[in-house]
């Protein structure tokens, strides 16, 4: 068991809210370290205690449950993989967050969640007298530039008053803070973003494999795409040399930050959103079929760009090499 005493001599900033973070993975762990570097007192909890060890060495205070973290924190973030994980941590699990929340605290969910789950939890928070925002986070992948080195944008939604109360904290988390409106709007915006991103990756893979199959060398088709109007606008193409051409997607030891199963979850949520509003989304529907096939092939834990291998199979070519940027 990890000790609850911090191993660091980091001094907390006076008159600043104490922060709690549930979920110390790629996003939650990075943000915990970020807050510690800014001098905030940070409490952490994760079901995998090993994931808290490094944060403890940076000065984080380890807790043994979501409820304990809630009793010690003024602003609490959840950064968890799925909607079910959030429900367990916040409402239904043993020693869940709602059992320890203190009057005046603010709860912010930065998970890529479902709108329905966000609204359910918001209703529960209202009954407890707790303010809440959903604020999904657009992390910063290779191929894009983050001014602060943390991420490109955070998408908070909820009451304007609650947003303004925690806005200084949110500004530390990303280059841009985009207030999206009423509760769950930020989550819907993130799902739309991820759907567009996934569809674009598959569109790029079609273009590149078509070029290779028709005898165009990789560097030429790459330059055509990246230097034309498409490459100067949709940013996803710029990460492909690192994520796809390098074949990192074939190697689980590379520890992908964003996996096939997580993006598949986001795409299903986006498709449900489209169905709810009776919007036809044929490109999204086709892209989801590729993610379903990837899951059937047991690629769930691979990088999301592993799905592009399906298009390579269809075209009978493999895109690999080091095209010059």
C-alpha atoms as a PDB file:
ATOM      1  CA  UNK A   1       0.000   0.000   0.000  1.00  0.00           C
ATOM      2  CA  UNK A   2       1.283   3.465  -0.861  1.00  0.00           C
ATOM      3  CA  UNK A   3       1.962   5.715   2.093  1.00  0.00           C
ATOM      4  CA  UNK A   4      -0.369   8.682   2.463  1.00  0.00           C
ATOM      5  CA  UNK A   5       2.536  10.910   3.477  1.00  0.00           C
ATOM      6  CA  UNK A   6       4.148  12.931   0.698  1.00  0.00           C
ATOM      7  CA  UNK A   7       7.801  12.257  -0.034  1.00  0.00           C
ATOM      8  CA  UNK A   8       8.410  15.714  -1.393  1.00  0.00           C
ATOM      9  CA  UNK A   9       9.153  19.020   0.241  1.00  0.00           C
ATOM     10  CA  UNK A  10       7.070  20.926  -2.306  1.00  0.00           C
ATOM     11  CA  UNK A  11       5.383  23.901  -0.640  1.00  0.00           C
ATOM     12  CA  UNK A  12       1.775  24.646  -1.509  1.00  0.00           C
ATOM     13  CA  UNK A  13       0.655  28.060  -2.684  1.00  0.00           C
ATOM     14  CA  UNK A  14      -1.131  30.004   0.066  1.00  0.00           C
ATOM     15  CA  UNK A  15      -4.811  30.889  -0.393  1.00  0.00           C
ATOM     16  CA  UNK A  16      -5.205  28.489  -3.313  1.00  0.00           C
ATOM     17  CA  UNK A  17      -7.817  25.731  -3.477  1.00  0.00           C
ATOM     18  CA  UNK A  18      -6.757  22.182  -2.703  1.00  0.00           C
ATOM     19  CA  UNK A  19      -7.118  19.966  -5.767  1.00  0.00           C
ATOM     20  CA  UNK A  20      -8.147  16.308  -5.917  1.00  0.00           C
ATOM     21  CA  UNK A  21      -7.674  14.094  -8.967  1.00  0.00           C
ATOM     22  CA  UNK A  22      -9.310  10.686  -9.388  1.00  0.00           C
ATOM     23  CA  UNK A  23      -7.615   8.758 -12.178  1.00  0.00           C
ATOM     24  CA  UNK A  24      -3.837   9.109 -12.531  1.00  0.00           C
ATOM     25  CA  UNK A  25      -3.427   7.881 -16.090  1.00  0.00           C
ATOM     26  CA  UNK A  26      -2.270   9.771 -19.152  1.00  0.00           C
ATOM     27  CA  UNK A  27      -4.402  12.866 -18.619  1.00  0.00           C
ATOM     28  CA  UNK A  28      -5.048  12.818 -14.871  1.00  0.00           C
ATOM     29  CA  UNK A  29      -1.436  12.056 -14.024  1.00  0.00           C
ATOM     30  CA  UNK A  30      -0.124  14.770 -16.314  1.00  0.00           C
ATOM     31  CA  UNK A  31      -2.490  17.334 -14.847  1.00  0.00           C
ATOM     32  CA  UNK A  32      -1.653  16.327 -11.270  1.00  0.00           C
ATOM     33  CA  UNK A  33       2.038  16.923 -12.005  1.00  0.00           C
ATOM     34  CA  UNK A  34       1.113  20.198 -13.686  1.00  0.00           C
ATOM     35  CA  UNK A  35      -0.771  21.474 -10.627  1.00  0.00           C
ATOM     36  CA  UNK A  36       2.055  20.397  -8.321  1.00  0.00           C
ATOM     37  CA  UNK A  37       4.537  22.307 -10.482  1.00  0.00           C
ATOM     38  CA  UNK A  38       2.367  25.401 -10.031  1.00  0.00           C
ATOM     39  CA  UNK A  39       2.506  24.995  -6.260  1.00  0.00           C
ATOM     40  CA  UNK A  40      -0.948  23.605  -5.578  1.00  0.00           C
ATOM     41  CA  UNK A  41      -1.683  21.033  -2.900  1.00  0.00           C
ATOM     42  CA  UNK A  42      -2.897  17.922  -4.767  1.00  0.00           C
ATOM     43  CA  UNK A  43      -4.575  14.759  -3.487  1.00  0.00           C
ATOM     44  CA  UNK A  44      -4.760  11.757  -5.816  1.00  0.00           C
ATOM     45  CA  UNK A  45      -6.605   8.452  -6.010  1.00  0.00           C
ATOM     46  CA  UNK A  46      -6.413   5.610  -8.518  1.00  0.00           C
ATOM     47  CA  UNK A  47      -7.494   1.972  -8.280  1.00  0.00           C
ATOM     48  CA  UNK A  48      -3.988   1.112  -9.479  1.00  0.00           C
ATOM     49  CA  UNK A  49      -1.833   2.283  -6.593  1.00  0.00           C
ATOM     50  CA  UNK A  50       1.354   1.911  -8.633  1.00  0.00           C
ATOM     51  CA  UNK A  51       0.202   4.785 -10.826  1.00  0.00           C
ATOM     52  CA  UNK A  52       0.280   7.089  -7.782  1.00  0.00           C
ATOM     53  CA  UNK A  53       3.876   6.399  -6.773  1.00  0.00           C
ATOM     54  CA  UNK A  54       5.504   8.813  -9.201  1.00  0.00           C
ATOM     55  CA  UNK A  55       3.033  11.567  -8.329  1.00  0.00           C
ATOM     56  CA  UNK A  56       3.712  11.004  -4.644  1.00  0.00           C
ATOM     57  CA  UNK A  57       7.418  11.564  -5.314  1.00  0.00           C
ATOM     58  CA  UNK A  58       6.485  14.915  -6.882  1.00  0.00           C
ATOM     59  CA  UNK A  59       4.566  15.972  -3.789  1.00  0.00           C
ATOM     60  CA  UNK A  60       1.065  14.588  -4.289  1.00  0.00           C
ATOM     61  CA  UNK A  61      -0.783  13.269  -1.259  1.00  0.00           C
ATOM     62  CA  UNK A  62      -2.154   9.766  -1.764  1.00  0.00           C
ATOM     63  CA  UNK A  63      -5.645   8.810  -0.581  1.00  0.00           C
ATOM     64  CA  UNK A  64      -7.183   5.369  -0.218  1.00  0.00           C
ATOM     65  CA  UNK A  65     -10.668   6.081  -1.631  1.00  0.00           C
ATOM     66  CA  UNK A  66     -12.686   8.561  -3.644  1.00  0.00           C
ATOM     67  CA  UNK A  67     -14.589   9.514  -0.500  1.00  0.00           C
ATOM     68  CA  UNK A  68     -11.390  10.296   1.401  1.00  0.00           C
ATOM     69  CA  UNK A  69     -10.128  12.418  -1.486  1.00  0.00           C
ATOM     70  CA  UNK A  70     -13.420  14.354  -1.481  1.00  0.00           C
ATOM     71  CA  UNK A  71     -13.098  15.200   2.210  1.00  0.00           C
ATOM     72  CA  UNK A  72      -9.660  16.726   1.606  1.00  0.00           C
ATOM     73  CA  UNK A  73     -10.209  18.612  -1.678  1.00  0.00           C
ATOM     74  CA  UNK A  74     -11.997  21.769  -2.758  1.00  0.00           C
ATOM     75  CA  UNK A  75     -11.884  21.199  -6.519  1.00  0.00           C
ATOM     76  CA  UNK A  76     -12.111  17.554  -7.607  1.00  0.00           C
ATOM     77  CA  UNK A  77     -11.398  16.201 -11.091  1.00  0.00           C
ATOM     78  CA  UNK A  78     -12.221  12.770 -12.475  1.00  0.00           C
ATOM     79  CA  UNK A  79     -10.142  11.580 -15.451  1.00  0.00           C
ATOM     80  CA  UNK A  80     -11.341   8.040 -16.117  1.00  0.00           C
ATOM     81  CA  UNK A  81     -11.595   5.724 -19.151  1.00  0.00           C
ATOM     82  CA  UNK A  82     -15.356   5.153 -19.493  1.00  0.00           C
ATOM     83  CA  UNK A  83     -18.768   6.417 -18.337  1.00  0.00           C
ATOM     84  CA  UNK A  84     -19.193   3.302 -16.177  1.00  0.00           C
ATOM     85  CA  UNK A  85     -15.910   4.071 -14.416  1.00  0.00           C
ATOM     86  CA  UNK A  86     -17.158   7.568 -13.606  1.00  0.00           C
ATOM     87  CA  UNK A  87     -20.479   6.275 -12.247  1.00  0.00           C
ATOM     88  CA  UNK A  88     -18.620   3.823 -10.010  1.00  0.00           C
ATOM     89  CA  UNK A  89     -16.157   6.416  -8.728  1.00  0.00           C
ATOM     90  CA  UNK A  90     -18.708   9.167  -8.162  1.00  0.00           C
ATOM     91  CA  UNK A  91     -22.010   7.525  -7.250  1.00  0.00           C
ATOM     92  CA  UNK A  92     -22.088   3.746  -6.899  1.00  0.00           C
ATOM     93  CA  UNK A  93     -18.734   2.345  -5.816  1.00  0.00           C
ATOM     94  CA  UNK A  94     -17.633   1.592  -2.277  1.00  0.00           C
ATOM     95  CA  UNK A  95     -16.531   4.838  -0.573  1.00  0.00           C
ATOM     96  CA  UNK A  96     -17.486   6.811  -3.673  1.00  0.00           C
ATOM     97  CA  UNK A  97     -16.942  10.513  -4.209  1.00  0.00           C
ATOM     98  CA  UNK A  98     -20.477  11.601  -3.338  1.00  0.00           C
ATOM     99  CA  UNK A  99     -20.060  10.153   0.158  1.00  0.00           C
ATOM    100  CA  UNK A 100     -17.257  12.566   1.004  1.00  0.00           C
ATOM    101  CA  UNK A 101     -18.003  15.782  -0.869  1.00  0.00           C
ATOM    102  CA  UNK A 102     -17.871  18.897   1.307  1.00  0.00           C
ATOM    103  CA  UNK A 103     -20.126  21.985   1.074  1.00  0.00           C
ATOM    104  CA  UNK A 104     -18.641  24.562  -1.283  1.00  0.00           C
ATOM    105  CA  UNK A 105     -16.551  22.089  -3.295  1.00  0.00           C
ATOM    106  CA  UNK A 106     -16.644  21.900  -7.086  1.00  0.00           C
ATOM    107  CA  UNK A 107     -16.607  18.686  -9.103  1.00  0.00           C
ATOM    108  CA  UNK A 108     -15.191  18.699 -12.662  1.00  0.00           C
ATOM    109  CA  UNK A 109     -15.327  15.627 -14.914  1.00  0.00           C
ATOM    110  CA  UNK A 110     -12.604  15.724 -17.598  1.00  0.00           C
ATOM    111  CA  UNK A 111     -13.400  12.209 -18.828  1.00  0.00           C
ATOM    112  CA  UNK A 112     -14.587  11.798 -22.419  1.00  0.00           C
ATOM    113  CA  UNK A 113     -17.976  10.756 -21.092  1.00  0.00           C
ATOM    114  CA  UNK A 114     -21.496  10.245 -22.410  1.00  0.00           C
ATOM    115  CA  UNK A 115     -23.901  13.200 -22.212  1.00  0.00           C
ATOM    116  CA  UNK A 116     -26.428  10.988 -20.411  1.00  0.00           C
ATOM    117  CA  UNK A 117     -23.920  10.091 -17.686  1.00  0.00           C
ATOM    118  CA  UNK A 118     -22.898  13.724 -17.264  1.00  0.00           C
ATOM    119  CA  UNK A 119     -26.530  14.760 -16.814  1.00  0.00           C
ATOM    120  CA  UNK A 120     -27.208  11.926 -14.362  1.00  0.00           C
ATOM    121  CA  UNK A 121     -24.251  12.902 -12.201  1.00  0.00           C
ATOM    122  CA  UNK A 122     -25.110  16.592 -12.469  1.00  0.00           C
ATOM    123  CA  UNK A 123     -28.590  15.848 -11.148  1.00  0.00           C
ATOM    124  CA  UNK A 124     -27.064  13.952  -8.217  1.00  0.00           C
ATOM    125  CA  UNK A 125     -24.649  16.829  -7.515  1.00  0.00           C
ATOM    126  CA  UNK A 126     -27.523  19.325  -7.500  1.00  0.00           C
ATOM    127  CA  UNK A 127     -29.261  17.272  -4.796  1.00  0.00           C
ATOM    128  CA  UNK A 128     -26.052  17.389  -2.741  1.00  0.00           C
ATOM    129  CA  UNK A 129     -25.628  21.131  -3.273  1.00  0.00           C
ATOM    130  CA  UNK A 130     -22.367  20.606  -5.199  1.00  0.00           C
ATOM    131  CA  UNK A 131     -21.389  22.637  -8.257  1.00  0.00           C
ATOM    132  CA  UNK A 132     -20.315  20.640 -11.326  1.00  0.00           C
ATOM    133  CA  UNK A 133     -18.737  21.124 -14.727  1.00  0.00           C
ATOM    134  CA  UNK A 134     -17.996  18.620 -17.452  1.00  0.00           C
ATOM    135  CA  UNK A 135     -14.726  19.628 -19.115  1.00  0.00           C
ATOM    136  CA  UNK A 136     -13.332  17.009 -21.501  1.00  0.00           C
ATOM    137  CA  UNK A 137      -9.757  17.560 -22.427  1.00  0.00           C
ATOM    138  CA  UNK A 138      -8.140  17.650 -25.862  1.00  0.00           C
ATOM    139  CA  UNK A 139      -4.682  16.264 -25.195  1.00  0.00           C
ATOM    140  CA  UNK A 140      -1.682  17.304 -27.263  1.00  0.00           C
ATOM    141  CA  UNK A 141      -0.469  14.553 -29.641  1.00  0.00           C
ATOM    142  CA  UNK A 142       2.736  14.423 -31.627  1.00  0.00           C
ATOM    143  CA  UNK A 143       2.333  16.562 -34.742  1.00  0.00           C
ATOM    144  CA  UNK A 144       0.702  19.522 -33.007  1.00  0.00           C
ATOM    145  CA  UNK A 145       2.209  22.295 -30.957  1.00  0.00           C
ATOM    146  CA  UNK A 146       1.045  23.174 -27.435  1.00  0.00           C
ATOM    147  CA  UNK A 147       2.324  26.493 -26.147  1.00  0.00           C
ATOM    148  CA  UNK A 148       2.226  25.353 -22.529  1.00  0.00           C
ATOM    149  CA  UNK A 149       3.235  21.780 -23.266  1.00  0.00           C
ATOM    150  CA  UNK A 150       0.068  20.454 -21.622  1.00  0.00           C
ATOM    151  CA  UNK A 151      -2.635  20.300 -24.262  1.00  0.00           C
ATOM    152  CA  UNK A 152      -4.507  22.228 -26.874  1.00  0.00           C
ATOM    153  CA  UNK A 153      -7.921  22.864 -25.322  1.00  0.00           C
ATOM    154  CA  UNK A 154     -10.212  22.069 -22.435  1.00  0.00           C
ATOM    155  CA  UNK A 155     -13.958  22.232 -23.081  1.00  0.00           C
ATOM    156  CA  UNK A 156     -15.848  23.136 -19.883  1.00  0.00           C
ATOM    157  CA  UNK A 157     -19.616  23.414 -19.691  1.00  0.00           C
ATOM    158  CA  UNK A 158     -22.043  24.068 -16.875  1.00  0.00           C
ATOM    159  CA  UNK A 159     -23.239  27.211 -15.143  1.00  0.00           C
ATOM    160  CA  UNK A 160     -21.345  30.359 -16.089  1.00  0.00           C
ATOM    161  CA  UNK A 161     -20.839  31.167 -12.397  1.00  0.00           C
ATOM    162  CA  UNK A 162     -19.217  27.806 -11.679  1.00  0.00           C
ATOM    163  CA  UNK A 163     -17.040  28.125 -14.764  1.00  0.00           C
ATOM    164  CA  UNK A 164     -15.810  31.566 -13.729  1.00  0.00           C
ATOM    165  CA  UNK A 165     -15.065  30.297 -10.238  1.00  0.00           C
ATOM    166  CA  UNK A 166     -12.626  27.646 -11.506  1.00  0.00           C
ATOM    167  CA  UNK A 167     -11.482  29.336 -14.723  1.00  0.00           C
ATOM    168  CA  UNK A 168      -8.025  30.241 -13.316  1.00  0.00           C
ATOM    169  CA  UNK A 169      -7.436  26.536 -12.591  1.00  0.00           C
ATOM    170  CA  UNK A 170      -8.653  25.481 -16.040  1.00  0.00           C
ATOM    171  CA  UNK A 171      -6.325  28.001 -17.685  1.00  0.00           C
ATOM    172  CA  UNK A 172      -3.358  26.067 -16.288  1.00  0.00           C
ATOM    173  CA  UNK A 173      -4.482  22.893 -18.047  1.00  0.00           C
ATOM    174  CA  UNK A 174      -4.367  23.807 -21.748  1.00  0.00           C
ATOM    175  CA  UNK A 175      -3.564  26.530 -24.253  1.00  0.00           C
ATOM    176  CA  UNK A 176      -7.239  27.284 -24.786  1.00  0.00           C
ATOM    177  CA  UNK A 177     -10.236  27.216 -22.443  1.00  0.00           C
ATOM    178  CA  UNK A 178     -13.394  27.052 -24.558  1.00  0.00           C
ATOM    179  CA  UNK A 179     -16.535  27.592 -22.473  1.00  0.00           C
ATOM    180  CA  UNK A 180     -19.167  25.567 -24.316  1.00  0.00           C
ATOM    181  CA  UNK A 181     -22.412  26.449 -22.524  1.00  0.00           C
ATOM    182  CA  UNK A 182     -24.886  24.428 -20.467  1.00  0.00           C
ATOM    183  CA  UNK A 183     -23.872  21.190 -18.739  1.00  0.00           C
ATOM    184  CA  UNK A 184     -22.963  18.292 -21.100  1.00  0.00           C
ATOM    185  CA  UNK A 185     -22.274  20.614 -24.076  1.00  0.00           C
ATOM    186  CA  UNK A 186     -18.523  20.226 -23.611  1.00  0.00           C
ATOM    187  CA  UNK A 187     -18.888  16.454 -23.693  1.00  0.00           C
ATOM    188  CA  UNK A 188     -20.921  16.588 -26.883  1.00  0.00           C
ATOM    189  CA  UNK A 189     -18.309  18.876 -28.465  1.00  0.00           C
ATOM    190  CA  UNK A 190     -15.516  16.439 -27.550  1.00  0.00           C
ATOM    191  CA  UNK A 191     -17.383  13.487 -29.052  1.00  0.00           C
ATOM    192  CA  UNK A 192     -17.895  15.421 -32.288  1.00  0.00           C
ATOM    193  CA  UNK A 193     -14.200  16.358 -32.327  1.00  0.00           C
ATOM    194  CA  UNK A 194     -13.062  12.760 -31.876  1.00  0.00           C
ATOM    195  CA  UNK A 195     -15.463  11.511 -34.528  1.00  0.00           C
ATOM    196  CA  UNK A 196     -14.139  14.024 -37.075  1.00  0.00           C
ATOM    197  CA  UNK A 197     -10.581  13.106 -36.090  1.00  0.00           C
ATOM    198  CA  UNK A 198     -11.156   9.359 -36.576  1.00  0.00           C
ATOM    199  CA  UNK A 199     -12.902   9.831 -39.916  1.00  0.00           C
ATOM    200  CA  UNK A 200     -10.069  12.078 -41.137  1.00  0.00           C
ATOM    201  CA  UNK A 201      -7.414   9.505 -40.233  1.00  0.00           C
ATOM    202  CA  UNK A 202      -9.210   6.874 -42.278  1.00  0.00           C
ATOM    203  CA  UNK A 203      -9.669   9.320 -45.187  1.00  0.00           C
ATOM    204  CA  UNK A 204      -5.917  10.066 -45.150  1.00  0.00           C
ATOM    205  CA  UNK A 205      -5.141   6.348 -45.073  1.00  0.00           C
ATOM    206  CA  UNK A 206      -7.338   5.831 -48.147  1.00  0.00           C
ATOM    207  CA  UNK A 207      -5.525   8.566 -50.037  1.00  0.00           C
ATOM    208  CA  UNK A 208      -2.050   7.331 -49.126  1.00  0.00           C
ATOM    209  CA  UNK A 209      -2.752   3.684 -49.900  1.00  0.00           C
ATOM    210  CA  UNK A 210      -4.384   4.669 -53.199  1.00  0.00           C
ATOM    211  CA  UNK A 211      -1.241   6.611 -54.080  1.00  0.00           C
ATOM    212  CA  UNK A 212       1.054   3.721 -53.189  1.00  0.00           C
ATOM    213  CA  UNK A 213      -1.081   1.170 -55.024  1.00  0.00           C
ATOM    214  CA  UNK A 214      -1.074   3.331 -58.169  1.00  0.00           C
ATOM    215  CA  UNK A 215       2.718   3.622 -58.158  1.00  0.00           C
ATOM    216  CA  UNK A 216       3.251   6.985 -56.456  1.00  0.00           C
ATOM    217  CA  UNK A 217       6.078   6.921 -53.920  1.00  0.00           C
ATOM    218  CA  UNK A 218       5.284   7.726 -50.289  1.00  0.00           C
ATOM    219  CA  UNK A 219       7.236  10.992 -50.144  1.00  0.00           C
ATOM    220  CA  UNK A 220       5.441  12.396 -53.188  1.00  0.00           C
ATOM    221  CA  UNK A 221       1.913  11.590 -52.035  1.00  0.00           C
ATOM    222  CA  UNK A 222       2.841  12.785 -48.545  1.00  0.00           C
ATOM    223  CA  UNK A 223       4.043  16.151 -49.876  1.00  0.00           C
ATOM    224  CA  UNK A 224       0.919  16.530 -51.996  1.00  0.00           C
ATOM    225  CA  UNK A 225      -1.301  16.011 -48.959  1.00  0.00           C
ATOM    226  CA  UNK A 226       0.630  17.995 -46.369  1.00  0.00           C
ATOM    227  CA  UNK A 227       1.509  20.993 -48.561  1.00  0.00           C
ATOM    228  CA  UNK A 228      -1.885  21.356 -50.196  1.00  0.00           C
ATOM    229  CA  UNK A 229      -5.028  22.929 -48.793  1.00  0.00           C
ATOM    230  CA  UNK A 230      -5.928  19.757 -46.890  1.00  0.00           C
ATOM    231  CA  UNK A 231      -2.630  19.440 -45.026  1.00  0.00           C
ATOM    232  CA  UNK A 232      -2.579  23.127 -44.127  1.00  0.00           C
ATOM    233  CA  UNK A 233      -5.934  22.823 -42.368  1.00  0.00           C
ATOM    234  CA  UNK A 234      -6.826  19.441 -40.791  1.00  0.00           C
ATOM    235  CA  UNK A 235      -3.991  18.860 -38.325  1.00  0.00           C
ATOM    236  CA  UNK A 236      -4.249  15.110 -38.028  1.00  0.00           C
ATOM    237  CA  UNK A 237      -2.005  14.421 -41.021  1.00  0.00           C
ATOM    238  CA  UNK A 238       1.051  15.868 -39.288  1.00  0.00           C
ATOM    239  CA  UNK A 239       1.185  13.178 -36.618  1.00  0.00           C
ATOM    240  CA  UNK A 240       1.129  10.271 -39.056  1.00  0.00           C
ATOM    241  CA  UNK A 241       4.916   9.933 -39.586  1.00  0.00           C
ATOM    242  CA  UNK A 242       5.302   9.331 -35.860  1.00  0.00           C
ATOM    243  CA  UNK A 243       2.196   7.247 -35.235  1.00  0.00           C
ATOM    244  CA  UNK A 244       1.653   5.326 -38.478  1.00  0.00           C
ATOM    245  CA  UNK A 245       4.596   5.363 -40.910  1.00  0.00           C
ATOM    246  CA  UNK A 246       6.982   4.467 -38.067  1.00  0.00           C
ATOM    247  CA  UNK A 247       4.784   1.389 -37.399  1.00  0.00           C
ATOM    248  CA  UNK A 248       4.572   2.262 -33.707  1.00  0.00           C
ATOM    249  CA  UNK A 249       0.962   1.134 -33.957  1.00  0.00           C
ATOM    250  CA  UNK A 250       2.188  -2.448 -34.439  1.00  0.00           C
ATOM    251  CA  UNK A 251       4.159  -2.478 -31.181  1.00  0.00           C
ATOM    252  CA  UNK A 252       2.316  -2.673 -27.835  1.00  0.00           C
ATOM    253  CA  UNK A 253       5.570  -1.934 -25.992  1.00  0.00           C
ATOM    254  CA  UNK A 254       5.276   1.659 -27.228  1.00  0.00           C
ATOM    255  CA  UNK A 255       2.510   2.167 -24.619  1.00  0.00           C
ATOM    256  CA  UNK A 256       0.028   4.162 -26.713  1.00  0.00           C
ATOM    257  CA  UNK A 257      -1.643   7.023 -24.888  1.00  0.00           C
ATOM    258  CA  UNK A 258      -4.880   6.678 -26.864  1.00  0.00           C
ATOM    259  CA  UNK A 259      -5.989   3.184 -27.760  1.00  0.00           C
ATOM    260  CA  UNK A 260      -8.359   1.584 -30.254  1.00  0.00           C
ATOM    261  CA  UNK A 261     -10.808   0.582 -27.519  1.00  0.00           C
ATOM    262  CA  UNK A 262     -10.963   4.119 -26.076  1.00  0.00           C
ATOM    263  CA  UNK A 263     -11.561   5.811 -29.420  1.00  0.00           C
ATOM    264  CA  UNK A 264     -14.089   3.097 -30.338  1.00  0.00           C
ATOM    265  CA  UNK A 265     -15.939   3.986 -27.132  1.00  0.00           C
ATOM    266  CA  UNK A 266     -15.941   7.676 -28.110  1.00  0.00           C
ATOM    267  CA  UNK A 267     -17.192   6.886 -31.610  1.00  0.00           C
ATOM    268  CA  UNK A 268     -20.062   4.790 -30.247  1.00  0.00           C
ATOM    269  CA  UNK A 269     -21.046   7.676 -27.991  1.00  0.00           C
ATOM    270  CA  UNK A 270     -20.895  10.088 -30.937  1.00  0.00           C
ATOM    271  CA  UNK A 271     -23.062   7.747 -33.023  1.00  0.00           C
ATOM    272  CA  UNK A 272     -25.574   7.548 -30.169  1.00  0.00           C
ATOM    273  CA  UNK A 273     -25.633  11.362 -30.086  1.00  0.00           C
ATOM    274  CA  UNK A 274     -26.372  11.426 -33.824  1.00  0.00           C
ATOM    275  CA  UNK A 275     -29.139   8.848 -33.403  1.00  0.00           C
ATOM    276  CA  UNK A 276     -30.667  10.839 -30.557  1.00  0.00           C
ATOM    277  CA  UNK A 277     -30.933  13.896 -32.815  1.00  0.00           C
ATOM    278  CA  UNK A 278     -31.907  11.875 -35.916  1.00  0.00           C
ATOM    279  CA  UNK A 279     -28.813  12.980 -37.842  1.00  0.00           C
ATOM    280  CA  UNK A 280     -27.490  10.743 -40.627  1.00  0.00           C
ATOM    281  CA  UNK A 281     -23.702  10.287 -40.294  1.00  0.00           C
ATOM    282  CA  UNK A 282     -22.644   7.775 -42.983  1.00  0.00           C
ATOM    283  CA  UNK A 283     -18.892   8.457 -42.736  1.00  0.00           C
ATOM    284  CA  UNK A 284     -18.929   7.973 -38.974  1.00  0.00           C
ATOM    285  CA  UNK A 285     -20.945   4.768 -39.367  1.00  0.00           C
ATOM    286  CA  UNK A 286     -18.405   3.365 -41.823  1.00  0.00           C
ATOM    287  CA  UNK A 287     -15.449   4.370 -39.646  1.00  0.00           C
ATOM    288  CA  UNK A 288     -16.991   2.626 -36.642  1.00  0.00           C
ATOM    289  CA  UNK A 289     -17.098  -0.594 -38.657  1.00  0.00           C
ATOM    290  CA  UNK A 290     -13.317  -0.431 -38.956  1.00  0.00           C
ATOM    291  CA  UNK A 291     -13.011  -0.004 -35.185  1.00  0.00           C
ATOM    292  CA  UNK A 292     -15.349  -2.945 -34.634  1.00  0.00           C
ATOM    293  CA  UNK A 293     -13.137  -5.062 -36.880  1.00  0.00           C
ATOM    294  CA  UNK A 294     -10.028  -3.856 -35.039  1.00  0.00           C
ATOM    295  CA  UNK A 295     -11.556  -4.978 -31.748  1.00  0.00           C
ATOM    296  CA  UNK A 296     -12.411  -8.375 -33.256  1.00  0.00           C
ATOM    297  CA  UNK A 297      -8.749  -8.712 -34.223  1.00  0.00           C
ATOM    298  CA  UNK A 298      -7.747  -8.036 -30.619  1.00  0.00           C
ATOM    299  CA  UNK A 299      -6.152  -4.696 -31.413  1.00  0.00           C
ATOM    300  CA  UNK A 300      -7.991  -3.023 -28.525  1.00  0.00           C
ATOM    301  CA  UNK A 301      -4.856  -1.974 -26.663  1.00  0.00           C
ATOM    302  CA  UNK A 302      -2.944  -0.773 -29.729  1.00  0.00           C
ATOM    303  CA  UNK A 303      -2.663   2.852 -30.778  1.00  0.00           C
ATOM    304  CA  UNK A 304      -5.727   4.178 -32.606  1.00  0.00           C
ATOM    305  CA  UNK A 305      -3.767   4.396 -35.862  1.00  0.00           C
ATOM    306  CA  UNK A 306      -3.571   0.583 -35.894  1.00  0.00           C
ATOM    307  CA  UNK A 307      -6.989   0.760 -37.573  1.00  0.00           C
ATOM    308  CA  UNK A 308      -5.278   2.158 -40.682  1.00  0.00           C
ATOM    309  CA  UNK A 309      -3.785  -1.321 -41.215  1.00  0.00           C
ATOM    310  CA  UNK A 310      -7.232  -2.464 -42.352  1.00  0.00           C
ATOM    311  CA  UNK A 311      -7.078  -0.026 -45.257  1.00  0.00           C
ATOM    312  CA  UNK A 312      -3.548  -1.195 -46.077  1.00  0.00           C
ATOM    313  CA  UNK A 313      -4.882  -4.750 -46.323  1.00  0.00           C
ATOM    314  CA  UNK A 314      -7.682  -3.623 -48.608  1.00  0.00           C
ATOM    315  CA  UNK A 315      -5.224  -1.778 -50.866  1.00  0.00           C
ATOM    316  CA  UNK A 316      -2.523  -4.453 -50.727  1.00  0.00           C
ATOM    317  CA  UNK A 317       0.230  -1.995 -49.746  1.00  0.00           C
ATOM    318  CA  UNK A 318       1.960  -0.921 -46.519  1.00  0.00           C
ATOM    319  CA  UNK A 319       2.866   2.697 -45.786  1.00  0.00           C
ATOM    320  CA  UNK A 320       6.172   2.795 -43.982  1.00  0.00           C
ATOM    321  CA  UNK A 321       9.280   4.916 -44.066  1.00  0.00           C
ATOM    322  CA  UNK A 322      10.341   8.361 -42.958  1.00  0.00           C
ATOM    323  CA  UNK A 323       8.813  10.986 -45.245  1.00  0.00           C
ATOM    324  CA  UNK A 324      10.446  14.371 -44.847  1.00  0.00           C
ATOM    325  CA  UNK A 325       8.372  17.098 -43.249  1.00  0.00           C
END
